[in-house]
């Protein structure tokens, strides 16, 4: 992670936006903070790699469904700030091209900075409550899995189990005693086999297919 992070914030709720900016600006780990008023400017900033992390409020995250793959491959990571209303329908966020979720309820400076750090370290921050709700939806009996069975190698299965637990590539590498590059290749292979655009969807699809327990 860089010594100081440059962070963008897209949140049309003025009170919430001002609070986020104030907390970020007071933190030693943060270099610059730039609030955005609309998704056009935020999307451009993300595409050009202006920030290390872009925080997006759930109410303003709809445009992320259409994010091009080339933007996802950039260094700017995206954290979605989820409020109680959004948490009731988390299934709509599974396909978003994002790098983690942050719960607005109980949000503090410590949890905000921890999520930013984990995101930049290659992890996928997701509060346990949100993870349970999302996985419960994936487990719903009215969403049966169809199609060809997915065949994973024993190593991929080990990596997938750790991925579902929210571990980053670096953490997976340490647990499996392999290089970070090797862990990255395993995760990429898993996502390809599970036809998943991101780690969240990969975890959900794996649980739905019965490939791992949770």
Protein backbone atom coordinates (compact mmCIF):
# COMPACT_ATOMS: atom_id res chain seq x y z
CA UNK A 1 0.00 0.00 0.00
CA UNK A 2 1.28 3.54 -0.75
CA UNK A 3 2.52 5.60 2.21
CA UNK A 4 -0.47 7.89 1.73
CA UNK A 5 -3.65 7.17 -0.19
CA UNK A 6 -5.37 9.47 -2.65
CA UNK A 7 -9.10 8.98 -2.27
CA UNK A 8 -12.12 10.05 -4.29
CA UNK A 9 -15.66 10.18 -2.87
CA UNK A 10 -18.91 9.98 -4.86
CA UNK A 11 -21.84 10.60 -2.53
CA UNK A 12 -24.75 12.92 -3.33
CA UNK A 13 -25.86 12.91 0.31
CA UNK A 14 -24.18 16.16 1.34
CA UNK A 15 -24.09 15.44 5.07
CA UNK A 16 -22.63 11.97 4.60
CA UNK A 17 -20.16 13.20 1.99
CA UNK A 18 -18.90 16.01 4.22
CA UNK A 19 -18.47 13.55 7.09
CA UNK A 20 -16.46 11.12 4.98
CA UNK A 21 -14.25 13.88 3.61
CA UNK A 22 -13.64 15.32 7.09
CA UNK A 23 -12.63 11.94 8.53
CA UNK A 24 -10.36 11.17 5.58
CA UNK A 25 -8.67 14.57 5.61
CA UNK A 26 -7.84 14.19 9.31
CA UNK A 27 -6.11 10.82 8.83
CA UNK A 28 -2.32 10.67 8.46
CA UNK A 29 -2.63 7.74 6.05
CA UNK A 30 -4.58 9.85 3.56
CA UNK A 31 -2.85 12.19 1.13
CA UNK A 32 -5.60 13.87 -0.88
CA UNK A 33 -9.39 13.64 -0.83
CA UNK A 34 -11.58 14.74 -3.74
CA UNK A 35 -15.40 14.68 -3.60
CA UNK A 36 -17.39 14.21 -6.83
CA UNK A 37 -20.87 15.51 -7.58
CA UNK A 38 -21.73 13.07 -10.38
CA UNK A 39 -20.75 9.70 -11.82
CA UNK A 40 -19.37 11.15 -15.06
CA UNK A 41 -16.51 12.91 -13.29
CA UNK A 42 -15.99 9.99 -10.90
CA UNK A 43 -15.91 7.49 -13.78
CA UNK A 44 -13.34 9.57 -15.63
CA UNK A 45 -11.17 9.84 -12.51
CA UNK A 46 -11.35 6.09 -12.03
CA UNK A 47 -10.53 5.35 -15.65
CA UNK A 48 -7.47 7.59 -15.57
CA UNK A 49 -6.20 6.20 -12.25
CA UNK A 50 -6.37 9.52 -10.46
CA UNK A 51 -7.06 7.90 -7.08
CA UNK A 52 -5.90 4.82 -5.22
CA UNK A 53 -9.45 4.24 -4.00
CA UNK A 54 -12.83 5.65 -4.99
CA UNK A 55 -15.57 5.44 -2.34
CA UNK A 56 -19.06 5.29 -3.87
CA UNK A 57 -22.34 5.46 -1.95
CA UNK A 58 -24.71 2.61 -2.82
CA UNK A 59 -27.35 5.07 -4.02
CA UNK A 60 -24.85 6.42 -6.55
CA UNK A 61 -23.34 3.09 -7.65
CA UNK A 62 -25.63 2.16 -10.54
CA UNK A 63 -23.12 3.25 -13.18
CA UNK A 64 -20.64 0.62 -11.96
CA UNK A 65 -22.71 -2.08 -13.68
CA UNK A 66 -21.57 -0.67 -17.02
CA UNK A 67 -17.90 -0.19 -16.13
CA UNK A 68 -15.62 -1.44 -18.90
CA UNK A 69 -13.19 -4.24 -18.14
CA UNK A 70 -10.29 -1.95 -18.96
CA UNK A 71 -11.34 0.29 -16.07
CA UNK A 72 -11.50 -2.69 -13.72
CA UNK A 73 -7.94 -3.55 -14.64
CA UNK A 74 -6.72 -0.11 -13.58
CA UNK A 75 -5.13 0.63 -10.23
CA UNK A 76 -8.07 2.65 -8.87
CA UNK A 77 -10.08 0.43 -6.53
CA UNK A 78 -13.72 0.99 -5.64
CA UNK A 79 -15.39 0.64 -2.23
CA UNK A 80 -19.19 0.77 -2.11
CA UNK A 81 -20.69 2.32 1.02
CA UNK A 82 -23.86 0.34 1.78
CA UNK A 83 -26.63 1.71 3.98
CA UNK A 84 -29.39 -0.28 5.69
CA UNK A 85 -31.80 0.12 2.76
CA UNK A 86 -29.25 -1.14 0.25
CA UNK A 87 -28.32 -4.06 2.50
CA UNK A 88 -31.86 -5.43 2.16
CA UNK A 89 -31.28 -6.09 -1.54
CA UNK A 90 -27.60 -6.94 -1.79
CA UNK A 91 -28.12 -9.24 -4.76
CA UNK A 92 -28.05 -6.24 -7.09
CA UNK A 93 -24.47 -5.49 -6.03
CA UNK A 94 -23.00 -8.92 -6.75
CA UNK A 95 -22.24 -8.08 -10.38
CA UNK A 96 -20.75 -4.64 -9.76
CA UNK A 97 -17.13 -4.13 -10.75
CA UNK A 98 -15.98 -3.18 -7.24
CA UNK A 99 -13.24 -4.14 -4.80
CA UNK A 100 -15.16 -4.26 -1.54
CA UNK A 101 -18.10 -3.10 0.55
CA UNK A 102 -18.33 -0.89 3.61
CA UNK A 103 -21.31 -0.76 5.97
CA UNK A 104 -22.59 2.73 6.72
CA UNK A 105 -24.17 1.56 9.98
CA UNK A 106 -21.59 1.78 12.75
CA UNK A 107 -19.04 3.34 10.43
CA UNK A 108 -16.05 4.85 12.22
CA UNK A 109 -12.71 6.34 11.24
CA UNK A 110 -11.03 3.05 12.19
CA UNK A 111 -13.32 0.83 10.10
CA UNK A 112 -13.11 3.22 7.15
CA UNK A 113 -9.31 3.31 7.15
CA UNK A 114 -9.10 -0.45 7.71
CA UNK A 115 -11.31 -1.08 4.68
CA UNK A 116 -9.20 1.24 2.55
CA UNK A 117 -6.00 -0.52 3.62
CA UNK A 118 -7.41 -4.01 3.02
CA UNK A 119 -8.69 -2.93 -0.37
CA UNK A 120 -5.29 -1.59 -1.42
CA UNK A 121 -3.58 -4.73 -0.11
CA UNK A 122 -5.62 -6.84 -2.51
CA UNK A 123 -8.29 -7.96 -0.08
CA UNK A 124 -12.05 -7.70 -0.55
CA UNK A 125 -13.42 -5.96 2.56
CA UNK A 126 -16.98 -6.93 3.38
CA UNK A 127 -18.59 -6.59 6.82
CA UNK A 128 -19.68 -9.96 8.21
CA UNK A 129 -23.34 -8.92 8.33
CA UNK A 130 -23.33 -7.99 4.66
CA UNK A 131 -21.51 -11.19 3.74
CA UNK A 132 -24.07 -13.34 5.58
CA UNK A 133 -26.97 -11.56 3.90
CA UNK A 134 -25.42 -11.87 0.46
CA UNK A 135 -24.57 -15.54 0.91
CA UNK A 136 -28.04 -16.25 2.28
CA UNK A 137 -29.51 -14.87 -0.93
CA UNK A 138 -27.15 -17.03 -2.94
CA UNK A 139 -28.32 -20.06 -0.93
CA UNK A 140 -32.01 -19.39 -1.57
CA UNK A 141 -33.77 -22.57 -2.82
CA UNK A 142 -35.52 -20.70 -5.64
CA UNK A 143 -32.16 -20.04 -7.32
CA UNK A 144 -31.08 -23.52 -8.43
CA UNK A 145 -27.79 -23.99 -10.27
CA UNK A 146 -27.97 -25.31 -13.82
CA UNK A 147 -25.43 -26.16 -16.48
CA UNK A 148 -22.21 -28.11 -16.63
CA UNK A 149 -20.44 -28.98 -13.37
CA UNK A 150 -17.35 -26.94 -12.57
CA UNK A 151 -14.15 -28.92 -12.20
CA UNK A 152 -11.46 -27.36 -10.03
CA UNK A 153 -8.03 -28.69 -9.20
CA UNK A 154 -7.27 -29.47 -5.56
CA UNK A 155 -5.13 -26.33 -5.39
CA UNK A 156 -7.90 -24.20 -6.87
CA UNK A 157 -10.34 -25.64 -4.34
CA UNK A 158 -7.99 -24.71 -1.50
CA UNK A 159 -7.63 -21.18 -2.87
CA UNK A 160 -11.38 -20.88 -3.41
CA UNK A 161 -12.08 -21.80 0.21
CA UNK A 162 -9.78 -19.00 1.34
CA UNK A 163 -11.26 -16.57 -1.20
CA UNK A 164 -14.76 -17.21 0.17
CA UNK A 165 -13.41 -16.30 3.62
CA UNK A 166 -12.44 -12.89 2.21
CA UNK A 167 -8.69 -13.40 2.04
CA UNK A 168 -6.57 -11.33 -0.33
CA UNK A 169 -4.20 -12.84 -2.90
CA UNK A 170 -1.29 -12.15 -0.55
CA UNK A 171 -3.03 -13.93 2.32
CA UNK A 172 -3.92 -16.87 0.07
CA UNK A 173 -0.29 -17.06 -1.04
CA UNK A 174 0.92 -17.19 2.57
CA UNK A 175 -1.61 -19.86 3.56
CA UNK A 176 -0.78 -22.04 0.56
CA UNK A 177 2.97 -21.33 0.75
CA UNK A 178 3.11 -20.09 -2.84
CA UNK A 179 4.10 -16.82 -4.49
CA UNK A 180 1.69 -13.89 -4.77
CA UNK A 181 1.85 -14.31 -8.54
CA UNK A 182 0.87 -17.96 -8.16
CA UNK A 183 -2.09 -17.01 -5.97
CA UNK A 184 -3.15 -14.40 -8.51
CA UNK A 185 -3.10 -17.04 -11.27
CA UNK A 186 -5.18 -19.42 -9.14
CA UNK A 187 -7.81 -16.76 -8.42
CA UNK A 188 -7.95 -15.74 -12.08
CA UNK A 189 -8.45 -19.38 -13.09
CA UNK A 190 -11.20 -19.81 -10.50
CA UNK A 191 -13.04 -16.71 -11.69
CA UNK A 192 -12.78 -17.91 -15.29
CA UNK A 193 -14.11 -21.39 -14.49
CA UNK A 194 -16.97 -19.95 -12.41
CA UNK A 195 -17.77 -17.37 -15.10
CA UNK A 196 -17.46 -14.63 -12.49
CA UNK A 197 -16.49 -11.00 -13.16
CA UNK A 198 -15.30 -10.40 -9.60
CA UNK A 199 -14.43 -12.13 -6.33
CA UNK A 200 -17.87 -11.57 -4.79
CA UNK A 201 -19.63 -13.30 -7.66
CA UNK A 202 -17.05 -16.10 -7.62
CA UNK A 203 -17.74 -16.74 -3.92
CA UNK A 204 -21.50 -16.72 -4.47
CA UNK A 205 -21.33 -19.03 -7.49
CA UNK A 206 -19.03 -21.41 -5.61
CA UNK A 207 -21.44 -21.69 -2.69
CA UNK A 208 -24.45 -22.08 -4.98
CA UNK A 209 -22.64 -24.87 -6.84
CA UNK A 210 -21.72 -26.61 -3.58
CA UNK A 211 -18.00 -26.28 -4.24
CA UNK A 212 -17.30 -24.93 -0.75
CA UNK A 213 -19.06 -24.78 2.60
CA UNK A 214 -19.74 -21.57 4.52
